[in-house]
N, C-alpha and C. Protein backbone atom coordinates (compact mmCIF):
# COMPACT_ATOMS: atom_id res chain seq x y z
N MET A 1 10.28 15.36 -3.76
CA MET A 1 10.53 16.74 -4.15
C MET A 1 12.00 17.04 -3.85
N ILE A 2 12.64 17.62 -4.84
CA ILE A 2 14.03 18.06 -4.67
C ILE A 2 14.09 19.53 -5.05
N HIS A 3 14.65 20.33 -4.15
CA HIS A 3 14.78 21.78 -4.36
C HIS A 3 16.26 22.13 -4.38
N ILE A 4 16.70 22.71 -5.51
CA ILE A 4 18.08 23.17 -5.60
C ILE A 4 18.10 24.65 -5.97
N ASN A 5 19.21 25.30 -5.65
CA ASN A 5 19.42 26.69 -6.02
C ASN A 5 20.72 26.77 -6.81
N VAL A 6 20.59 27.12 -8.10
CA VAL A 6 21.76 27.27 -8.96
C VAL A 6 22.38 28.64 -8.67
N THR A 7 23.62 28.63 -8.21
CA THR A 7 24.30 29.86 -7.83
C THR A 7 25.27 30.35 -8.91
N HIS A 8 25.72 29.43 -9.76
CA HIS A 8 26.64 29.77 -10.85
C HIS A 8 26.34 28.87 -12.04
N SER A 9 26.31 29.46 -13.23
CA SER A 9 26.10 28.68 -14.44
C SER A 9 26.60 29.46 -15.64
N ILE A 10 27.08 28.74 -16.67
CA ILE A 10 27.47 29.42 -17.91
C ILE A 10 26.24 29.96 -18.62
N ASP A 11 25.07 29.39 -18.31
CA ASP A 11 23.79 29.86 -18.85
C ASP A 11 23.09 30.65 -17.74
N GLU A 12 23.06 31.96 -17.86
CA GLU A 12 22.49 32.81 -16.81
C GLU A 12 21.01 32.54 -16.56
N ASP A 13 20.31 31.98 -17.56
CA ASP A 13 18.89 31.66 -17.39
C ASP A 13 18.67 30.55 -16.36
N LEU A 14 19.71 29.80 -16.05
CA LEU A 14 19.58 28.69 -15.10
C LEU A 14 19.80 29.13 -13.65
N ILE A 15 20.27 30.33 -13.45
CA ILE A 15 20.54 30.78 -12.08
C ILE A 15 19.21 31.03 -11.35
N GLY A 16 19.08 30.42 -10.18
CA GLY A 16 17.86 30.56 -9.39
C GLY A 16 17.42 29.23 -8.81
N ASP A 17 16.19 29.21 -8.32
CA ASP A 17 15.63 28.04 -7.65
C ASP A 17 14.94 27.11 -8.64
N PHE A 18 15.11 25.81 -8.41
CA PHE A 18 14.43 24.78 -9.19
C PHE A 18 13.79 23.78 -8.23
N TYR A 19 12.53 23.49 -8.47
CA TYR A 19 11.79 22.52 -7.67
C TYR A 19 11.41 21.36 -8.57
N PHE A 20 11.79 20.16 -8.20
CA PHE A 20 11.46 18.97 -8.97
C PHE A 20 10.53 18.11 -8.12
N THR A 21 9.37 17.79 -8.66
CA THR A 21 8.36 17.07 -7.88
C THR A 21 8.46 15.56 -8.10
N LYS A 22 9.67 15.06 -8.04
CA LYS A 22 9.89 13.62 -8.16
C LYS A 22 11.10 13.24 -7.32
N ASN A 23 11.36 11.95 -7.23
CA ASN A 23 12.41 11.45 -6.36
C ASN A 23 13.75 11.23 -7.06
N LEU A 24 13.79 11.46 -8.37
CA LEU A 24 15.01 11.23 -9.14
C LEU A 24 15.10 12.30 -10.22
N ILE A 25 16.23 13.01 -10.25
CA ILE A 25 16.43 14.02 -11.29
C ILE A 25 17.76 13.76 -12.00
N TYR A 26 17.75 14.03 -13.29
CA TYR A 26 18.96 13.90 -14.11
C TYR A 26 19.45 15.28 -14.50
N ILE A 27 20.76 15.44 -14.48
CA ILE A 27 21.40 16.66 -14.94
C ILE A 27 22.27 16.27 -16.12
N GLY A 28 22.06 16.93 -17.26
CA GLY A 28 22.81 16.55 -18.45
C GLY A 28 22.79 17.64 -19.51
N LYS A 29 23.36 17.29 -20.67
CA LYS A 29 23.46 18.25 -21.76
C LYS A 29 22.16 18.32 -22.56
N ASN A 30 21.81 17.25 -23.23
CA ASN A 30 20.61 17.22 -24.06
C ASN A 30 19.46 16.45 -23.43
N GLU A 31 19.74 15.76 -22.36
CA GLU A 31 18.73 14.95 -21.67
C GLU A 31 18.70 15.35 -20.20
N GLY A 32 17.57 15.19 -19.60
CA GLY A 32 17.51 15.39 -18.16
C GLY A 32 16.53 16.45 -17.73
N ASP A 33 16.43 16.59 -16.43
CA ASP A 33 15.51 17.55 -15.82
C ASP A 33 16.13 18.94 -15.76
N LEU A 34 17.45 18.99 -15.65
CA LEU A 34 18.18 20.25 -15.68
C LEU A 34 19.22 20.10 -16.79
N ARG A 35 19.05 20.88 -17.86
CA ARG A 35 19.91 20.74 -19.04
C ARG A 35 20.88 21.91 -19.13
N ILE A 36 22.15 21.56 -19.33
CA ILE A 36 23.20 22.56 -19.43
C ILE A 36 23.86 22.39 -20.79
N ASN A 37 23.77 23.40 -21.63
CA ASN A 37 24.33 23.33 -22.98
C ASN A 37 25.81 23.68 -22.94
N SER A 38 26.62 22.64 -22.72
CA SER A 38 28.07 22.81 -22.65
C SER A 38 28.74 21.52 -23.09
N ASP A 39 29.85 21.64 -23.79
CA ASP A 39 30.62 20.46 -24.20
C ASP A 39 31.26 19.76 -23.00
N LYS A 40 31.30 20.43 -21.87
CA LYS A 40 31.89 19.84 -20.66
C LYS A 40 30.88 19.00 -19.87
N ILE A 41 29.63 18.99 -20.33
CA ILE A 41 28.58 18.23 -19.68
C ILE A 41 28.12 17.10 -20.61
N MET A 42 28.01 15.89 -20.07
CA MET A 42 27.53 14.74 -20.83
C MET A 42 26.02 14.62 -20.67
N ASN A 43 25.40 13.85 -21.55
CA ASN A 43 24.02 13.47 -21.31
C ASN A 43 24.02 12.59 -20.07
N GLN A 44 23.06 12.79 -19.21
CA GLN A 44 22.98 12.06 -17.94
C GLN A 44 24.32 12.16 -17.19
N HIS A 45 24.80 13.37 -17.06
CA HIS A 45 26.07 13.68 -16.41
C HIS A 45 26.05 13.23 -14.94
N LEU A 46 24.94 13.52 -14.28
CA LEU A 46 24.80 13.23 -12.85
C LEU A 46 23.33 13.03 -12.55
N PHE A 47 23.01 12.09 -11.68
CA PHE A 47 21.64 12.04 -11.21
C PHE A 47 21.62 12.11 -9.70
N ILE A 48 20.54 12.68 -9.21
CA ILE A 48 20.33 12.84 -7.77
C ILE A 48 19.02 12.14 -7.43
N GLU A 49 19.09 11.26 -6.43
CA GLU A 49 17.93 10.44 -6.10
C GLU A 49 17.68 10.41 -4.60
N ILE A 50 16.39 10.46 -4.25
CA ILE A 50 16.00 10.23 -2.86
C ILE A 50 15.84 8.73 -2.71
N PHE A 51 16.63 8.15 -1.82
CA PHE A 51 16.64 6.70 -1.62
C PHE A 51 16.52 6.42 -0.14
N GLU A 52 15.40 5.82 0.26
CA GLU A 52 15.15 5.49 1.66
C GLU A 52 15.39 6.70 2.58
N SER A 53 14.78 7.82 2.25
CA SER A 53 14.84 9.06 3.02
C SER A 53 16.23 9.71 3.05
N LYS A 54 17.11 9.27 2.18
CA LYS A 54 18.43 9.89 2.05
C LYS A 54 18.58 10.36 0.62
N LEU A 55 19.45 11.33 0.42
CA LEU A 55 19.70 11.86 -0.91
C LEU A 55 21.08 11.43 -1.36
N ILE A 56 21.16 10.91 -2.58
CA ILE A 56 22.44 10.44 -3.10
C ILE A 56 22.68 11.02 -4.49
N ALA A 57 23.92 11.45 -4.74
CA ALA A 57 24.33 11.91 -6.07
C ALA A 57 25.14 10.79 -6.71
N GLN A 58 24.79 10.46 -7.94
CA GLN A 58 25.45 9.37 -8.65
C GLN A 58 25.97 9.92 -9.99
N PRO A 59 27.29 9.95 -10.18
CA PRO A 59 27.83 10.47 -11.44
C PRO A 59 27.77 9.45 -12.57
N ASN A 60 27.82 9.94 -13.80
CA ASN A 60 27.97 9.08 -14.95
C ASN A 60 29.29 8.32 -14.80
N LYS A 61 29.34 7.07 -15.24
CA LYS A 61 30.56 6.27 -15.09
C LYS A 61 31.76 6.88 -15.81
N LYS A 62 31.49 7.67 -16.84
CA LYS A 62 32.58 8.31 -17.61
C LYS A 62 33.06 9.61 -16.97
N LEU A 63 32.34 10.09 -15.97
CA LEU A 63 32.71 11.35 -15.31
C LEU A 63 33.89 11.10 -14.38
N GLU A 64 34.95 11.85 -14.60
CA GLU A 64 36.17 11.66 -13.79
C GLU A 64 35.92 12.02 -12.33
N TYR A 65 35.28 13.17 -12.09
CA TYR A 65 34.96 13.58 -10.73
C TYR A 65 33.99 14.77 -10.77
N PHE A 66 33.41 15.07 -9.63
CA PHE A 66 32.64 16.30 -9.41
C PHE A 66 32.95 16.74 -7.99
N LEU A 67 32.61 17.97 -7.67
CA LEU A 67 32.94 18.51 -6.35
C LEU A 67 31.71 18.60 -5.46
N VAL A 68 31.84 18.15 -4.24
CA VAL A 68 30.80 18.31 -3.21
C VAL A 68 31.47 19.03 -2.05
N GLU A 69 30.96 20.22 -1.76
CA GLU A 69 31.55 21.06 -0.70
C GLU A 69 33.03 21.31 -0.99
N GLY A 70 33.38 21.45 -2.28
CA GLY A 70 34.75 21.75 -2.66
C GLY A 70 35.69 20.56 -2.66
N LYS A 71 35.18 19.39 -2.31
CA LYS A 71 36.02 18.19 -2.26
C LYS A 71 35.74 17.29 -3.45
N ARG A 72 36.79 16.79 -4.02
CA ARG A 72 36.71 15.92 -5.19
C ARG A 72 35.98 14.62 -4.84
N THR A 73 34.99 14.27 -5.65
CA THR A 73 34.19 13.06 -5.43
C THR A 73 34.18 12.26 -6.72
N THR A 74 34.50 10.99 -6.64
CA THR A 74 34.60 10.16 -7.85
C THR A 74 33.49 9.14 -8.00
N GLY A 75 32.69 8.98 -6.98
CA GLY A 75 31.62 7.98 -7.03
C GLY A 75 30.36 8.49 -6.37
N PRO A 76 29.45 7.59 -6.03
CA PRO A 76 28.21 8.01 -5.36
C PRO A 76 28.51 8.73 -4.05
N LYS A 77 27.67 9.72 -3.74
CA LYS A 77 27.90 10.52 -2.53
C LYS A 77 26.57 10.84 -1.88
N PHE A 78 26.43 10.53 -0.59
CA PHE A 78 25.25 10.93 0.15
C PHE A 78 25.33 12.43 0.40
N LEU A 79 24.20 13.11 0.21
CA LEU A 79 24.15 14.57 0.33
C LEU A 79 23.28 14.97 1.51
N LYS A 80 23.56 16.16 2.02
CA LYS A 80 22.76 16.75 3.08
C LYS A 80 22.28 18.13 2.63
N ILE A 81 21.21 18.58 3.23
CA ILE A 81 20.69 19.92 2.93
C ILE A 81 21.79 20.95 3.21
N GLY A 82 21.95 21.88 2.28
CA GLY A 82 22.95 22.93 2.42
C GLY A 82 24.25 22.64 1.67
N MET A 83 24.45 21.40 1.23
CA MET A 83 25.67 21.07 0.51
C MET A 83 25.67 21.69 -0.88
N THR A 84 26.89 22.02 -1.36
CA THR A 84 27.07 22.60 -2.68
C THR A 84 27.72 21.59 -3.61
N ILE A 85 27.16 21.45 -4.81
CA ILE A 85 27.67 20.55 -5.84
C ILE A 85 28.19 21.41 -6.98
N ASP A 86 29.41 21.13 -7.42
CA ASP A 86 30.04 21.90 -8.49
C ASP A 86 30.41 20.96 -9.63
N LEU A 87 29.85 21.23 -10.81
CA LEU A 87 30.15 20.44 -12.00
C LEU A 87 31.04 21.22 -12.97
N GLY A 88 31.66 22.27 -12.50
CA GLY A 88 32.53 23.09 -13.33
C GLY A 88 31.77 24.23 -14.00
N VAL A 89 30.85 23.90 -14.88
CA VAL A 89 30.09 24.93 -15.61
C VAL A 89 28.81 25.31 -14.89
N ILE A 90 28.49 24.59 -13.81
CA ILE A 90 27.30 24.90 -13.02
C ILE A 90 27.57 24.51 -11.56
N THR A 91 27.11 25.36 -10.66
CA THR A 91 27.22 25.10 -9.23
C THR A 91 25.84 25.30 -8.62
N PHE A 92 25.43 24.34 -7.80
CA PHE A 92 24.13 24.48 -7.15
C PHE A 92 24.20 23.98 -5.72
N LYS A 93 23.26 24.50 -4.95
CA LYS A 93 23.16 24.17 -3.53
C LYS A 93 21.87 23.39 -3.30
N LEU A 94 21.96 22.34 -2.51
CA LEU A 94 20.78 21.56 -2.16
C LEU A 94 20.03 22.28 -1.05
N MET A 95 18.82 22.72 -1.38
CA MET A 95 18.04 23.51 -0.43
C MET A 95 17.13 22.64 0.45
N ASN A 96 16.53 21.61 -0.17
CA ASN A 96 15.59 20.77 0.56
C ASN A 96 15.27 19.54 -0.26
N PHE A 97 14.79 18.49 0.39
CA PHE A 97 14.27 17.32 -0.31
C PHE A 97 13.29 16.59 0.58
N MET A 98 12.37 15.89 -0.05
CA MET A 98 11.37 15.12 0.69
C MET A 98 10.86 14.01 -0.23
N GLN A 99 10.82 12.81 0.29
CA GLN A 99 10.33 11.67 -0.48
C GLN A 99 8.90 11.95 -0.95
N THR A 100 8.66 11.75 -2.24
CA THR A 100 7.34 11.95 -2.81
C THR A 100 6.74 10.57 -3.08
N LYS A 101 5.57 10.32 -2.50
CA LYS A 101 4.91 9.04 -2.70
C LYS A 101 3.95 9.17 -3.88
N PHE A 102 4.08 8.23 -4.80
CA PHE A 102 3.20 8.22 -5.96
C PHE A 102 2.26 7.03 -5.84
N GLU A 103 0.95 7.32 -5.87
CA GLU A 103 -0.04 6.26 -5.78
C GLU A 103 -0.33 5.70 -7.16
N THR A 104 -0.51 4.39 -7.21
CA THR A 104 -0.94 3.78 -8.45
C THR A 104 -2.43 4.04 -8.63
N SER A 105 -2.93 3.84 -9.83
CA SER A 105 -4.36 4.02 -10.08
C SER A 105 -5.17 3.09 -9.20
N ARG A 106 -4.70 1.87 -9.04
CA ARG A 106 -5.41 0.88 -8.21
C ARG A 106 -5.50 1.37 -6.76
N GLU A 107 -4.38 1.88 -6.21
CA GLU A 107 -4.38 2.38 -4.83
C GLU A 107 -5.35 3.54 -4.67
N LYS A 108 -5.36 4.45 -5.63
CA LYS A 108 -6.26 5.60 -5.57
C LYS A 108 -7.72 5.17 -5.65
N LEU A 109 -8.03 4.24 -6.57
CA LEU A 109 -9.42 3.76 -6.69
C LEU A 109 -9.86 3.02 -5.43
N ASN A 110 -8.96 2.23 -4.84
CA ASN A 110 -9.29 1.54 -3.59
C ASN A 110 -9.57 2.53 -2.47
N GLN A 111 -8.79 3.61 -2.41
CA GLN A 111 -9.01 4.64 -1.39
C GLN A 111 -10.37 5.30 -1.57
N ILE A 112 -10.70 5.65 -2.81
CA ILE A 112 -11.98 6.30 -3.09
C ILE A 112 -13.14 5.36 -2.74
N THR A 113 -13.00 4.09 -3.12
CA THR A 113 -14.05 3.10 -2.81
C THR A 113 -14.23 2.95 -1.31
N ASP A 114 -13.13 2.88 -0.56
CA ASP A 114 -13.22 2.78 0.90
C ASP A 114 -13.95 3.98 1.50
N GLU A 115 -13.67 5.18 0.97
CA GLU A 115 -14.35 6.38 1.46
C GLU A 115 -15.84 6.34 1.14
N LEU A 116 -16.19 5.84 -0.06
CA LEU A 116 -17.61 5.73 -0.43
C LEU A 116 -18.33 4.73 0.46
N ILE A 117 -17.67 3.61 0.75
CA ILE A 117 -18.29 2.60 1.62
C ILE A 117 -18.49 3.16 3.02
N ALA A 118 -17.47 3.85 3.54
CA ALA A 118 -17.56 4.42 4.89
C ALA A 118 -18.68 5.44 5.00
N SER A 119 -18.94 6.18 3.92
CA SER A 119 -19.99 7.20 3.97
C SER A 119 -21.35 6.66 3.53
N ASN A 120 -21.39 5.37 3.21
CA ASN A 120 -22.63 4.71 2.77
C ASN A 120 -23.25 5.46 1.58
N HIS A 121 -22.41 5.84 0.64
CA HIS A 121 -22.83 6.59 -0.54
C HIS A 121 -23.72 5.73 -1.45
N PRO A 122 -24.76 6.30 -2.05
CA PRO A 122 -25.68 5.53 -2.91
C PRO A 122 -25.00 4.89 -4.14
N VAL A 123 -23.88 5.43 -4.57
CA VAL A 123 -23.22 4.88 -5.75
C VAL A 123 -22.64 3.48 -5.47
N ILE A 124 -22.51 3.10 -4.21
CA ILE A 124 -21.99 1.78 -3.85
C ILE A 124 -22.88 0.69 -4.43
N GLU A 125 -24.19 0.89 -4.39
CA GLU A 125 -25.11 -0.11 -4.96
C GLU A 125 -24.83 -0.32 -6.44
N VAL A 126 -24.57 0.75 -7.16
CA VAL A 126 -24.28 0.67 -8.60
C VAL A 126 -22.96 -0.09 -8.83
N ILE A 127 -21.97 0.21 -8.01
CA ILE A 127 -20.67 -0.47 -8.14
C ILE A 127 -20.83 -1.97 -7.89
N GLN A 128 -21.62 -2.33 -6.88
CA GLN A 128 -21.84 -3.75 -6.59
C GLN A 128 -22.54 -4.46 -7.74
N ILE A 129 -23.49 -3.79 -8.37
CA ILE A 129 -24.19 -4.38 -9.53
C ILE A 129 -23.22 -4.60 -10.68
N ILE A 130 -22.37 -3.63 -10.93
CA ILE A 130 -21.37 -3.73 -12.02
C ILE A 130 -20.40 -4.88 -11.72
N GLN A 131 -19.98 -5.03 -10.48
CA GLN A 131 -19.04 -6.09 -10.12
C GLN A 131 -19.66 -7.46 -10.28
N GLU A 132 -20.95 -7.58 -10.05
CA GLU A 132 -21.62 -8.87 -10.17
C GLU A 132 -21.78 -9.29 -11.63
N GLU A 133 -21.82 -8.35 -12.53
CA GLU A 133 -22.00 -8.66 -13.96
C GLU A 133 -20.78 -9.14 -14.62
């Protein structure tokens, strides 16, 4: 989960809080999770990713620079809660982030099966018959 607060934007509809329920978000013109309709923004202009419990901003290779806390940044940058990112036409503050774990279907089914076995649920007999066939 990544929570940002847009404090300035050329598009007033973007001002406010945004919650993204994933570990990687893209900011761009026509593509991405946060889209800014401006000629000064590229598709996939910047992405922000939670990586090993840390947050990192990675600019597009064609992006000359972006500002973090008012300082010019030309490459990947580790971010902390409360930091402000400025892309010229949009400024936002990082409010919070937390690694989101996504379970595969197999992991979820294994968890459910383990719970059924632990509770000695009658459906276990049916599952065993199906597995034997």
